[in-house]
Amino acid sequence: MKEAFDRMAKLRTYVDDNFSGRDWNLASAMVIEGTGGMQMMGDWAKGEFLKAGKKPGEDFVCIRFPGTQGSVTFNSDQFVMFQVGEDKQKAQQMMASSVMNPEFQSAFNVVKGSVPARTDVPNEAFDDCGKKGMADLAEANAGGGLFGSMAHGHGAPAAVKNAVNDVVTQHFNGELTSEEAVEELQNAVAAAQ
């Protein structure tokens, strides 16, 4: 854990002084305009680049965070259908079937900029970022490296997520040394469980 915090402290040296509280889309704009070098963000940021007329694979690239090849932290968009009676279940099944149809998965994810939930969706319609994301997902799936996103409630209960976020934020803001952060993280997670 100390090594992870040490690495995060090194990353902090690459961030400008006005980063705190900056909305992600403003950070995207900085990269697009050439005043920022890179951004660590999910696939939704690609829309900002496309809107600015930038082309994946030419004007920008999408990569795994260095050192994480072979693993993917995923979040999934979810549709929830409350059980409202047997008479509605046929329609619910039809909707679920439609959403999971490979053609719909391709059409939806090409526009959204995300990776399909199904692994059998052809990648021909996807741009360079989409193809890279699909290949990364397949590699992680084959190697047992798929992990639910803690940030989106898939990897840990909210209390644990919040405890980790608090310590990581304090460390990134320079309020804790790496050694202090390790101890504080252990205490915070234990208290949150």
N, C-alpha and C. Protein backbone atom coordinates (compact mmCIF):
# COMPACT_ATOMS: atom_id res chain seq x y z
N MET A 1 0.83 -1.19 0.00
CA MET A 1 0.00 0.00 0.00
C MET A 1 0.87 1.25 0.00
N LYS A 2 1.96 1.18 0.74
CA LYS A 2 2.85 2.36 0.78
C LYS A 2 3.38 2.67 -0.62
N GLU A 3 3.74 1.62 -1.37
CA GLU A 3 4.23 1.85 -2.73
C GLU A 3 3.15 2.50 -3.59
N ALA A 4 1.91 2.08 -3.43
CA ALA A 4 0.81 2.69 -4.19
C ALA A 4 0.67 4.17 -3.83
N PHE A 5 0.74 4.48 -2.55
CA PHE A 5 0.65 5.89 -2.13
C PHE A 5 1.87 6.68 -2.61
N ASP A 6 3.05 6.07 -2.59
CA ASP A 6 4.25 6.75 -3.11
C ASP A 6 4.08 7.08 -4.59
N ARG A 7 3.53 6.13 -5.33
CA ARG A 7 3.31 6.38 -6.76
C ARG A 7 2.29 7.48 -6.97
N MET A 8 1.26 7.50 -6.13
CA MET A 8 0.25 8.54 -6.25
C MET A 8 0.87 9.91 -5.94
N ALA A 9 1.78 9.95 -4.97
CA ALA A 9 2.46 11.21 -4.65
C ALA A 9 3.28 11.69 -5.85
N LYS A 10 3.89 10.76 -6.57
CA LYS A 10 4.63 11.13 -7.77
C LYS A 10 3.69 11.67 -8.84
N LEU A 11 2.54 11.00 -9.01
CA LEU A 11 1.55 11.49 -9.98
C LEU A 11 1.10 12.91 -9.63
N ARG A 12 0.99 13.18 -8.35
CA ARG A 12 0.54 14.50 -7.90
C ARG A 12 1.45 15.61 -8.41
N THR A 13 2.74 15.29 -8.60
CA THR A 13 3.68 16.31 -9.08
C THR A 13 3.40 16.71 -10.53
N TYR A 14 2.61 15.92 -11.25
CA TYR A 14 2.29 16.23 -12.64
C TYR A 14 1.00 17.04 -12.79
N VAL A 15 0.30 17.27 -11.69
CA VAL A 15 -1.00 17.95 -11.72
C VAL A 15 -0.80 19.44 -11.44
N ASP A 16 -1.52 20.27 -12.16
CA ASP A 16 -1.39 21.71 -11.93
C ASP A 16 -2.02 22.12 -10.60
N ASP A 17 -1.69 23.28 -10.13
CA ASP A 17 -2.14 23.74 -8.80
C ASP A 17 -3.64 23.96 -8.70
N ASN A 18 -4.31 24.14 -9.82
CA ASN A 18 -5.75 24.45 -9.79
C ASN A 18 -6.63 23.24 -10.05
N PHE A 19 -6.11 22.03 -9.84
CA PHE A 19 -6.86 20.82 -10.17
C PHE A 19 -8.05 20.59 -9.24
N SER A 20 -7.94 20.95 -7.99
CA SER A 20 -8.94 20.58 -6.99
C SER A 20 -10.31 21.15 -7.34
N GLY A 21 -11.29 20.28 -7.42
CA GLY A 21 -12.66 20.71 -7.71
C GLY A 21 -12.95 20.95 -9.17
N ARG A 22 -11.96 20.75 -10.05
CA ARG A 22 -12.18 20.98 -11.48
C ARG A 22 -13.09 19.88 -12.02
N ASP A 23 -14.11 20.27 -12.75
CA ASP A 23 -14.99 19.30 -13.39
C ASP A 23 -14.21 18.54 -14.46
N TRP A 24 -14.57 17.27 -14.63
CA TRP A 24 -13.85 16.42 -15.58
C TRP A 24 -13.88 16.97 -17.00
N ASN A 25 -15.02 17.58 -17.40
CA ASN A 25 -15.11 18.07 -18.77
C ASN A 25 -14.19 19.27 -19.01
N LEU A 26 -13.91 20.03 -17.95
CA LEU A 26 -12.95 21.14 -18.09
C LEU A 26 -11.53 20.59 -18.24
N ALA A 27 -11.24 19.50 -17.54
CA ALA A 27 -9.94 18.84 -17.72
C ALA A 27 -9.83 18.28 -19.14
N SER A 28 -10.93 17.72 -19.65
CA SER A 28 -10.93 17.24 -21.04
C SER A 28 -10.62 18.39 -21.99
N ALA A 29 -11.24 19.54 -21.75
CA ALA A 29 -11.01 20.71 -22.61
C ALA A 29 -9.55 21.13 -22.59
N MET A 30 -8.92 21.02 -21.43
CA MET A 30 -7.50 21.36 -21.34
C MET A 30 -6.65 20.45 -22.23
N VAL A 31 -6.96 19.15 -22.24
CA VAL A 31 -6.22 18.22 -23.09
C VAL A 31 -6.50 18.53 -24.56
N ILE A 32 -7.75 18.77 -24.89
CA ILE A 32 -8.15 19.08 -26.26
C ILE A 32 -7.43 20.34 -26.76
N GLU A 33 -7.33 21.34 -25.89
CA GLU A 33 -6.71 22.62 -26.26
C GLU A 33 -5.19 22.60 -26.18
N GLY A 34 -4.62 21.52 -25.65
CA GLY A 34 -3.17 21.42 -25.56
C GLY A 34 -2.57 22.04 -24.32
N THR A 35 -3.40 22.45 -23.36
CA THR A 35 -2.87 22.99 -22.10
C THR A 35 -2.76 21.92 -21.03
N GLY A 36 -3.23 20.71 -21.34
CA GLY A 36 -3.09 19.55 -20.46
C GLY A 36 -2.54 18.40 -21.28
N GLY A 37 -1.77 17.54 -20.65
CA GLY A 37 -1.11 16.46 -21.38
C GLY A 37 -1.91 15.18 -21.46
N MET A 38 -2.65 14.86 -20.40
CA MET A 38 -3.42 13.63 -20.37
C MET A 38 -4.49 13.74 -19.31
N GLN A 39 -5.41 12.80 -19.34
CA GLN A 39 -6.50 12.77 -18.38
C GLN A 39 -6.81 11.33 -18.04
N MET A 40 -7.00 11.07 -16.76
CA MET A 40 -7.41 9.73 -16.33
C MET A 40 -8.93 9.79 -16.14
N MET A 41 -9.65 9.15 -17.06
CA MET A 41 -11.10 9.31 -17.07
C MET A 41 -11.72 8.12 -17.77
N GLY A 42 -12.99 7.94 -17.55
CA GLY A 42 -13.73 6.87 -18.20
C GLY A 42 -14.07 7.21 -19.64
N ASP A 43 -14.71 6.26 -20.30
CA ASP A 43 -15.00 6.39 -21.72
C ASP A 43 -15.93 7.55 -22.06
N TRP A 44 -16.67 8.05 -21.08
CA TRP A 44 -17.59 9.15 -21.36
C TRP A 44 -16.86 10.41 -21.79
N ALA A 45 -15.58 10.56 -21.42
CA ALA A 45 -14.82 11.75 -21.80
C ALA A 45 -14.61 11.81 -23.31
N LYS A 46 -14.67 10.67 -23.97
CA LYS A 46 -14.44 10.64 -25.42
C LYS A 46 -15.43 11.55 -26.14
N GLY A 47 -16.64 11.67 -25.63
CA GLY A 47 -17.63 12.54 -26.27
C GLY A 47 -17.17 13.98 -26.38
N GLU A 48 -16.43 14.46 -25.39
CA GLU A 48 -15.91 15.83 -25.44
C GLU A 48 -14.91 15.99 -26.58
N PHE A 49 -14.09 14.97 -26.77
CA PHE A 49 -13.09 15.01 -27.85
C PHE A 49 -13.77 14.94 -29.21
N LEU A 50 -14.78 14.08 -29.33
CA LEU A 50 -15.50 13.96 -30.59
C LEU A 50 -16.24 15.25 -30.92
N LYS A 51 -16.86 15.84 -29.90
CA LYS A 51 -17.59 17.10 -30.09
C LYS A 51 -16.65 18.21 -30.57
N ALA A 52 -15.38 18.13 -30.17
CA ALA A 52 -14.38 19.12 -30.58
C ALA A 52 -13.77 18.78 -31.94
N GLY A 53 -14.31 17.74 -32.61
CA GLY A 53 -13.81 17.38 -33.93
C GLY A 53 -12.53 16.55 -33.91
N LYS A 54 -12.19 15.99 -32.78
CA LYS A 54 -10.98 15.17 -32.67
C LYS A 54 -11.28 13.73 -33.05
N LYS A 55 -10.29 13.07 -33.67
CA LYS A 55 -10.48 11.70 -34.14
C LYS A 55 -9.66 10.72 -33.29
N PRO A 56 -10.33 9.66 -32.77
CA PRO A 56 -9.62 8.64 -32.01
C PRO A 56 -8.55 7.98 -32.88
N GLY A 57 -7.38 7.76 -32.29
CA GLY A 57 -6.29 7.14 -33.02
C GLY A 57 -5.46 8.11 -33.83
N GLU A 58 -5.98 9.34 -34.03
CA GLU A 58 -5.23 10.37 -34.75
C GLU A 58 -4.91 11.54 -33.84
N ASP A 59 -5.97 12.12 -33.27
CA ASP A 59 -5.80 13.30 -32.41
C ASP A 59 -5.66 12.94 -30.94
N PHE A 60 -6.15 11.78 -30.55
CA PHE A 60 -6.05 11.32 -29.17
C PHE A 60 -6.11 9.80 -29.15
N VAL A 61 -5.61 9.24 -28.07
CA VAL A 61 -5.64 7.79 -27.90
C VAL A 61 -6.27 7.45 -26.56
N CYS A 62 -6.82 6.26 -26.49
CA CYS A 62 -7.38 5.73 -25.25
C CYS A 62 -6.51 4.55 -24.84
N ILE A 63 -6.00 4.60 -23.63
CA ILE A 63 -5.13 3.52 -23.15
C ILE A 63 -5.53 3.10 -21.75
N ARG A 64 -5.12 1.92 -21.36
CA ARG A 64 -5.27 1.48 -19.97
C ARG A 64 -4.31 2.30 -19.14
N PHE A 65 -4.64 2.52 -17.90
CA PHE A 65 -3.71 3.21 -17.02
C PHE A 65 -2.44 2.38 -16.94
N PRO A 66 -1.26 3.00 -17.07
CA PRO A 66 -0.01 2.22 -17.07
C PRO A 66 0.07 1.26 -15.89
N GLY A 67 0.45 0.02 -16.22
CA GLY A 67 0.59 -1.00 -15.20
C GLY A 67 -0.66 -1.80 -14.92
N THR A 68 -1.76 -1.49 -15.61
CA THR A 68 -3.01 -2.21 -15.35
C THR A 68 -3.43 -3.11 -16.50
N GLN A 69 -2.57 -3.29 -17.49
CA GLN A 69 -2.93 -4.14 -18.61
C GLN A 69 -3.28 -5.54 -18.10
N GLY A 70 -4.34 -6.10 -18.64
CA GLY A 70 -4.78 -7.42 -18.21
C GLY A 70 -5.85 -7.37 -17.13
N SER A 71 -6.15 -6.18 -16.66
CA SER A 71 -7.25 -6.04 -15.70
C SER A 71 -8.13 -4.88 -16.12
N VAL A 72 -9.41 -5.01 -15.83
CA VAL A 72 -10.38 -3.97 -16.15
C VAL A 72 -11.28 -3.77 -14.95
N THR A 73 -11.40 -2.53 -14.52
CA THR A 73 -12.38 -2.19 -13.50
C THR A 73 -13.60 -1.71 -14.26
N PHE A 74 -14.72 -2.38 -14.05
CA PHE A 74 -15.88 -2.07 -14.87
C PHE A 74 -17.02 -1.50 -14.04
N ASN A 75 -17.83 -0.77 -14.73
CA ASN A 75 -19.10 -0.26 -14.23
C ASN A 75 -20.11 -0.62 -15.30
N SER A 76 -21.30 -0.95 -14.90
CA SER A 76 -22.30 -1.28 -15.90
C SER A 76 -23.53 -0.40 -15.71
N ASP A 77 -24.01 0.09 -16.84
CA ASP A 77 -25.29 0.80 -16.81
C ASP A 77 -26.36 -0.25 -16.56
N GLN A 78 -27.34 0.09 -15.81
CA GLN A 78 -28.34 -0.91 -15.42
C GLN A 78 -29.75 -0.40 -15.66
N PHE A 79 -30.57 -1.30 -16.10
CA PHE A 79 -32.00 -1.04 -16.21
C PHE A 79 -32.68 -1.82 -15.10
N VAL A 80 -33.55 -1.18 -14.38
CA VAL A 80 -34.24 -1.85 -13.28
C VAL A 80 -35.72 -1.90 -13.62
N MET A 81 -36.28 -3.08 -13.51
CA MET A 81 -37.72 -3.26 -13.74
C MET A 81 -38.31 -3.83 -12.46
N PHE A 82 -39.16 -3.06 -11.87
CA PHE A 82 -39.79 -3.53 -10.65
C PHE A 82 -40.88 -4.52 -11.01
N GLN A 83 -41.02 -5.52 -10.20
CA GLN A 83 -42.04 -6.53 -10.47
C GLN A 83 -43.41 -5.89 -10.22
N VAL A 84 -44.13 -5.68 -11.29
CA VAL A 84 -45.42 -4.99 -11.18
C VAL A 84 -46.58 -5.89 -11.56
N GLY A 85 -46.35 -7.16 -11.59
CA GLY A 85 -47.42 -8.10 -11.92
C GLY A 85 -47.07 -8.95 -13.11
N GLU A 86 -47.68 -10.13 -13.15
CA GLU A 86 -47.39 -11.09 -14.20
C GLU A 86 -47.72 -10.55 -15.58
N ASP A 87 -48.72 -9.69 -15.66
CA ASP A 87 -49.12 -9.15 -16.95
C ASP A 87 -48.05 -8.25 -17.57
N LYS A 88 -47.10 -7.76 -16.79
CA LYS A 88 -46.03 -6.87 -17.29
C LYS A 88 -44.74 -7.62 -17.60
N GLN A 89 -44.63 -8.85 -17.14
CA GLN A 89 -43.36 -9.57 -17.28
C GLN A 89 -43.00 -9.87 -18.73
N LYS A 90 -43.98 -10.09 -19.58
CA LYS A 90 -43.68 -10.35 -20.99
C LYS A 90 -43.02 -9.12 -21.62
N ALA A 91 -43.56 -7.95 -21.33
CA ALA A 91 -42.98 -6.71 -21.86
C ALA A 91 -41.58 -6.48 -21.30
N GLN A 92 -41.39 -6.80 -20.02
CA GLN A 92 -40.07 -6.64 -19.41
C GLN A 92 -39.05 -7.57 -20.07
N GLN A 93 -39.44 -8.80 -20.32
CA GLN A 93 -38.56 -9.76 -20.99
C GLN A 93 -38.22 -9.30 -22.41
N MET A 94 -39.22 -8.73 -23.11
CA MET A 94 -38.98 -8.23 -24.46
C MET A 94 -37.97 -7.08 -24.44
N MET A 95 -38.12 -6.18 -23.46
CA MET A 95 -37.18 -5.07 -23.36
C MET A 95 -35.77 -5.58 -23.05
N ALA A 96 -35.65 -6.48 -22.10
CA ALA A 96 -34.34 -7.04 -21.75
C ALA A 96 -33.71 -7.73 -22.95
N SER A 97 -34.50 -8.48 -23.68
CA SER A 97 -34.00 -9.17 -24.87
C SER A 97 -33.54 -8.17 -25.92
N SER A 98 -34.30 -7.10 -26.11
CA SER A 98 -33.93 -6.07 -27.08
C SER A 98 -32.63 -5.38 -26.70
N VAL A 99 -32.50 -5.01 -25.43
CA VAL A 99 -31.31 -4.31 -24.96
C VAL A 99 -30.06 -5.18 -25.10
N MET A 100 -30.20 -6.46 -24.88
CA MET A 100 -29.05 -7.36 -24.94
C MET A 100 -28.79 -7.91 -26.35
N ASN A 101 -29.61 -7.56 -27.32
CA ASN A 101 -29.41 -7.98 -28.70
C ASN A 101 -28.07 -7.43 -29.19
N PRO A 102 -27.23 -8.26 -29.82
CA PRO A 102 -25.91 -7.79 -30.28
C PRO A 102 -25.97 -6.56 -31.18
N GLU A 103 -26.98 -6.47 -32.06
CA GLU A 103 -27.09 -5.30 -32.93
C GLU A 103 -27.37 -4.03 -32.12
N PHE A 104 -28.26 -4.14 -31.12
CA PHE A 104 -28.53 -2.99 -30.26
C PHE A 104 -27.28 -2.64 -29.45
N GLN A 105 -26.60 -3.66 -28.90
CA GLN A 105 -25.39 -3.41 -28.11
C GLN A 105 -24.36 -2.65 -28.94
N SER A 106 -24.21 -3.01 -30.21
CA SER A 106 -23.27 -2.31 -31.08
C SER A 106 -23.73 -0.88 -31.30
N ALA A 107 -24.98 -0.70 -31.72
CA ALA A 107 -25.48 0.65 -32.02
C ALA A 107 -25.40 1.56 -30.80
N PHE A 108 -25.80 1.07 -29.65
CA PHE A 108 -25.81 1.87 -28.42
C PHE A 108 -24.40 2.24 -27.99
N ASN A 109 -23.51 1.26 -27.95
CA ASN A 109 -22.17 1.49 -27.42
C ASN A 109 -21.29 2.29 -28.38
N VAL A 110 -21.53 2.19 -29.67
CA VAL A 110 -20.79 3.03 -30.62
C VAL A 110 -21.10 4.49 -30.34
N VAL A 111 -22.37 4.81 -30.12
CA VAL A 111 -22.77 6.20 -29.85
C VAL A 111 -22.31 6.65 -28.46
N LYS A 112 -22.48 5.79 -27.46
CA LYS A 112 -22.13 6.16 -26.08
C LYS A 112 -20.62 6.22 -25.89
N GLY A 113 -19.89 5.41 -26.63
CA GLY A 113 -18.45 5.36 -26.47
C GLY A 113 -18.00 4.35 -25.45
N SER A 114 -18.87 3.41 -25.14
CA SER A 114 -18.54 2.40 -24.13
C SER A 114 -18.35 1.04 -24.77
N VAL A 115 -18.07 0.05 -23.93
CA VAL A 115 -17.84 -1.32 -24.38
C VAL A 115 -19.12 -2.11 -24.14
N PRO A 116 -19.55 -2.92 -25.11
CA PRO A 116 -20.77 -3.70 -24.93
C PRO A 116 -20.70 -4.65 -23.73
N ALA A 117 -21.85 -4.90 -23.14
CA ALA A 117 -21.95 -5.87 -22.04
C ALA A 117 -21.71 -7.28 -22.56
N ARG A 118 -22.05 -7.51 -23.80
CA ARG A 118 -21.84 -8.83 -24.41
C ARG A 118 -20.45 -8.88 -25.02
N THR A 119 -19.82 -10.05 -24.92
CA THR A 119 -18.48 -10.20 -25.48
C THR A 119 -18.49 -10.73 -26.91
N ASP A 120 -19.67 -11.03 -27.45
CA ASP A 120 -19.76 -11.56 -28.81
C ASP A 120 -20.21 -10.50 -29.83
N VAL A 121 -20.15 -9.24 -29.47
CA VAL A 121 -20.53 -8.16 -30.38
C VAL A 121 -19.33 -7.85 -31.28
N PRO A 122 -19.52 -7.89 -32.62
CA PRO A 122 -18.41 -7.57 -33.53
C PRO A 122 -17.93 -6.13 -33.32
N ASN A 123 -16.63 -5.88 -33.54
CA ASN A 123 -16.08 -4.55 -33.28
C ASN A 123 -15.96 -3.67 -34.53
N GLU A 124 -16.45 -4.12 -35.68
CA GLU A 124 -16.26 -3.37 -36.93
C GLU A 124 -16.78 -1.93 -36.87
N ALA A 125 -17.89 -1.69 -36.21
CA ALA A 125 -18.49 -0.35 -36.19
C ALA A 125 -17.81 0.60 -35.20
N PHE A 126 -16.92 0.07 -34.38
CA PHE A 126 -16.30 0.86 -33.31
C PHE A 126 -15.05 1.59 -33.80
N ASP A 127 -14.76 2.74 -33.17
CA ASP A 127 -13.54 3.48 -33.50
C ASP A 127 -12.36 2.86 -32.74
N ASP A 128 -11.18 3.48 -32.86
CA ASP A 128 -9.98 2.92 -32.23
C ASP A 128 -10.15 2.74 -30.72
N CYS A 129 -10.77 3.71 -30.05
CA CYS A 129 -10.95 3.61 -28.60
C CYS A 129 -11.89 2.46 -28.25
N GLY A 130 -12.96 2.32 -29.01
CA GLY A 130 -13.91 1.23 -28.77
C GLY A 130 -13.27 -0.13 -28.98
N LYS A 131 -12.51 -0.26 -30.06
CA LYS A 131 -11.84 -1.53 -30.34
C LYS A 131 -10.83 -1.86 -29.24
N LYS A 132 -10.11 -0.85 -28.77
CA LYS A 132 -9.14 -1.06 -27.70
C LYS A 132 -9.86 -1.49 -26.43
N GLY A 133 -10.96 -0.83 -26.10
CA GLY A 133 -11.72 -1.19 -24.91
C GLY A 133 -12.26 -2.61 -24.97
N MET A 134 -12.74 -2.99 -26.14
CA MET A 134 -13.27 -4.35 -26.30
C MET A 134 -12.16 -5.39 -26.17
N ALA A 135 -10.99 -5.10 -26.75
CA ALA A 135 -9.85 -6.02 -26.65
C ALA A 135 -9.37 -6.11 -25.19
N ASP A 136 -9.33 -4.98 -24.50
CA ASP A 136 -8.92 -4.98 -23.09
C ASP A 136 -9.89 -5.79 -22.24
N LEU A 137 -11.18 -5.63 -22.50
CA LEU A 137 -12.19 -6.39 -21.75
C LEU A 137 -12.03 -7.89 -22.00
N ALA A 138 -11.84 -8.27 -23.26
CA ALA A 138 -11.67 -9.69 -23.59
C ALA A 138 -10.43 -10.26 -22.91
N GLU A 139 -9.33 -9.50 -22.91
CA GLU A 139 -8.09 -9.95 -22.26
C GLU A 139 -8.30 -10.13 -20.75
N ALA A 140 -8.95 -9.14 -20.12
CA ALA A 140 -9.20 -9.23 -18.68
C ALA A 140 -10.14 -10.38 -18.35
N ASN A 141 -11.15 -10.57 -19.18
CA ASN A 141 -12.10 -11.66 -18.97
C ASN A 141 -11.40 -13.01 -19.06
N ALA A 142 -10.55 -13.17 -20.06
CA ALA A 142 -9.84 -14.43 -20.25
C ALA A 142 -8.86 -14.72 -19.11
N GLY A 143 -8.29 -13.66 -18.54
CA GLY A 143 -7.28 -13.84 -17.50
C GLY A 143 -7.80 -13.69 -16.09
N GLY A 144 -9.11 -13.57 -15.91
CA GLY A 144 -9.66 -13.41 -14.56
C GLY A 144 -9.40 -12.04 -13.96
N GLY A 145 -9.24 -11.04 -14.81
CA GLY A 145 -8.90 -9.71 -14.32
C GLY A 145 -10.03 -8.70 -14.40
N LEU A 146 -11.29 -9.12 -14.31
CA LEU A 146 -12.42 -8.19 -14.28
C LEU A 146 -12.77 -7.87 -12.83
N PHE A 147 -12.81 -6.60 -12.50
CA PHE A 147 -13.10 -6.17 -11.14
C PHE A 147 -14.18 -5.10 -11.17
N GLY A 148 -15.17 -5.25 -10.31
CA GLY A 148 -16.23 -4.26 -10.22
C GLY A 148 -15.71 -2.93 -9.68
N SER A 149 -16.21 -1.86 -10.21
CA SER A 149 -15.78 -0.52 -9.80
C SER A 149 -16.24 -0.21 -8.38
N MET A 150 -15.30 0.14 -7.53
CA MET A 150 -15.66 0.56 -6.18
C MET A 150 -16.38 1.91 -6.23
N ALA A 151 -15.96 2.76 -7.14
CA ALA A 151 -16.55 4.09 -7.25
C ALA A 151 -18.04 4.03 -7.60
N HIS A 152 -18.46 2.96 -8.28
CA HIS A 152 -19.84 2.85 -8.72
C HIS A 152 -20.64 1.81 -7.94
N GLY A 153 -20.11 1.39 -6.80
CA GLY A 153 -20.86 0.51 -5.92
C GLY A 153 -20.78 -0.97 -6.23
N HIS A 154 -19.87 -1.37 -7.12
CA HIS A 154 -19.76 -2.78 -7.48
C HIS A 154 -18.67 -3.52 -6.70
N GLY A 155 -17.72 -2.80 -6.10
CA GLY A 155 -16.57 -3.44 -5.49
C GLY A 155 -16.52 -3.39 -3.98
N ALA A 156 -17.32 -2.53 -3.36
CA ALA A 156 -17.29 -2.40 -1.90
C ALA A 156 -18.54 -1.63 -1.46
N PRO A 157 -18.96 -1.83 -0.23
CA PRO A 157 -20.10 -1.06 0.28
C PRO A 157 -19.77 0.44 0.30
N ALA A 158 -20.80 1.27 0.25
CA ALA A 158 -20.62 2.73 0.18
C ALA A 158 -19.77 3.26 1.33
N ALA A 159 -19.94 2.74 2.53
CA ALA A 159 -19.18 3.24 3.67
C ALA A 159 -17.68 3.00 3.48
N VAL A 160 -17.33 1.83 2.93
CA VAL A 160 -15.92 1.52 2.67
C VAL A 160 -15.40 2.42 1.54
N LYS A 161 -16.17 2.54 0.48
CA LYS A 161 -15.79 3.41 -0.64
C LYS A 161 -15.52 4.82 -0.15
N ASN A 162 -16.42 5.35 0.66
CA ASN A 162 -16.26 6.72 1.17
C ASN A 162 -15.03 6.85 2.06
N ALA A 163 -14.76 5.84 2.88
CA ALA A 163 -13.57 5.86 3.75
C ALA A 163 -12.30 5.88 2.91
N VAL A 164 -12.25 5.03 1.87
CA VAL A 164 -11.08 4.99 0.99
C VAL A 164 -10.92 6.33 0.27
N ASN A 165 -12.02 6.85 -0.27
CA ASN A 165 -11.96 8.13 -0.98
C ASN A 165 -11.43 9.25 -0.09
N ASP A 166 -11.88 9.27 1.16
CA ASP A 166 -11.42 10.33 2.09
C ASP A 166 -9.91 10.27 2.30
N VAL A 167 -9.39 9.07 2.53
CA VAL A 167 -7.95 8.93 2.78
C VAL A 167 -7.15 9.23 1.51
N VAL A 168 -7.60 8.70 0.38
CA VAL A 168 -6.89 8.95 -0.88
C VAL A 168 -6.88 10.45 -1.20
N THR A 169 -8.00 11.12 -0.99
CA THR A 169 -8.07 12.56 -1.23
C THR A 169 -7.13 13.32 -0.30
N GLN A 170 -7.12 12.96 0.97
CA GLN A 170 -6.23 13.64 1.92
C GLN A 170 -4.76 13.45 1.50
N HIS A 171 -4.42 12.23 1.11
CA HIS A 171 -3.05 11.98 0.68
C HIS A 171 -2.72 12.75 -0.58
N PHE A 172 -3.62 12.71 -1.57
CA PHE A 172 -3.35 13.40 -2.84
C PHE A 172 -3.22 14.90 -2.65
N ASN A 173 -3.94 15.43 -1.68
CA ASN A 173 -3.87 16.87 -1.39
C ASN A 173 -2.68 17.23 -0.50
N GLY A 174 -1.85 16.24 -0.16
CA GLY A 174 -0.65 16.51 0.62
C GLY A 174 -0.86 16.60 2.12
N GLU A 175 -2.04 16.18 2.59
CA GLU A 175 -2.34 16.26 4.02
C GLU A 175 -1.78 15.07 4.79
N LEU A 176 -1.43 13.98 4.10
CA LEU A 176 -0.89 12.78 4.74
C LEU A 176 0.34 12.31 3.98
N THR A 177 1.35 11.84 4.69
CA THR A 177 2.46 11.16 4.03
C THR A 177 1.98 9.78 3.60
N SER A 178 2.77 9.09 2.82
CA SER A 178 2.40 7.74 2.40
C SER A 178 2.27 6.82 3.60
N GLU A 179 3.19 6.92 4.55
CA GLU A 179 3.13 6.09 5.75
C GLU A 179 1.85 6.37 6.54
N GLU A 180 1.53 7.65 6.72
CA GLU A 180 0.32 8.02 7.45
C GLU A 180 -0.93 7.54 6.71
N ALA A 181 -0.89 7.63 5.39
CA ALA A 181 -2.05 7.22 4.59
C ALA A 181 -2.31 5.73 4.73
N VAL A 182 -1.25 4.91 4.77
CA VAL A 182 -1.42 3.46 4.94
C VAL A 182 -2.13 3.18 6.26
N GLU A 183 -1.65 3.79 7.32
CA GLU A 183 -2.25 3.57 8.64
C GLU A 183 -3.68 4.10 8.69
N GLU A 184 -3.87 5.28 8.14
CA GLU A 184 -5.20 5.89 8.15
C GLU A 184 -6.19 5.07 7.33
N LEU A 185 -5.72 4.52 6.22
CA LEU A 185 -6.59 3.69 5.37
C LEU A 185 -7.05 2.45 6.11
N GLN A 186 -6.12 1.79 6.78
CA GLN A 186 -6.48 0.60 7.56
C GLN A 186 -7.53 0.95 8.61
N ASN A 187 -7.32 2.03 9.33
CA ASN A 187 -8.25 2.44 10.38
C ASN A 187 -9.61 2.84 9.80
N ALA A 188 -9.59 3.59 8.71
CA ALA A 188 -10.84 4.07 8.11
C ALA A 188 -11.69 2.93 7.58
N VAL A 189 -11.06 1.97 6.90
CA VAL A 189 -11.80 0.84 6.34
C VAL A 189 -12.35 -0.03 7.48
N ALA A 190 -11.53 -0.27 8.49
CA ALA A 190 -11.99 -1.07 9.62
C ALA A 190 -13.18 -0.41 10.31
N ALA A 191 -13.15 0.90 10.47
CA ALA A 191 -14.25 1.61 11.11
C ALA A 191 -15.51 1.60 10.25
N ALA A 192 -15.32 1.55 8.92
CA ALA A 192 -16.47 1.60 8.01
C ALA A 192 -17.16 0.25 7.86
N GLN A 193 -16.50 -0.82 8.23
CA GLN A 193 -17.09 -2.16 8.01
C GLN A 193 -18.07 -2.54 9.09
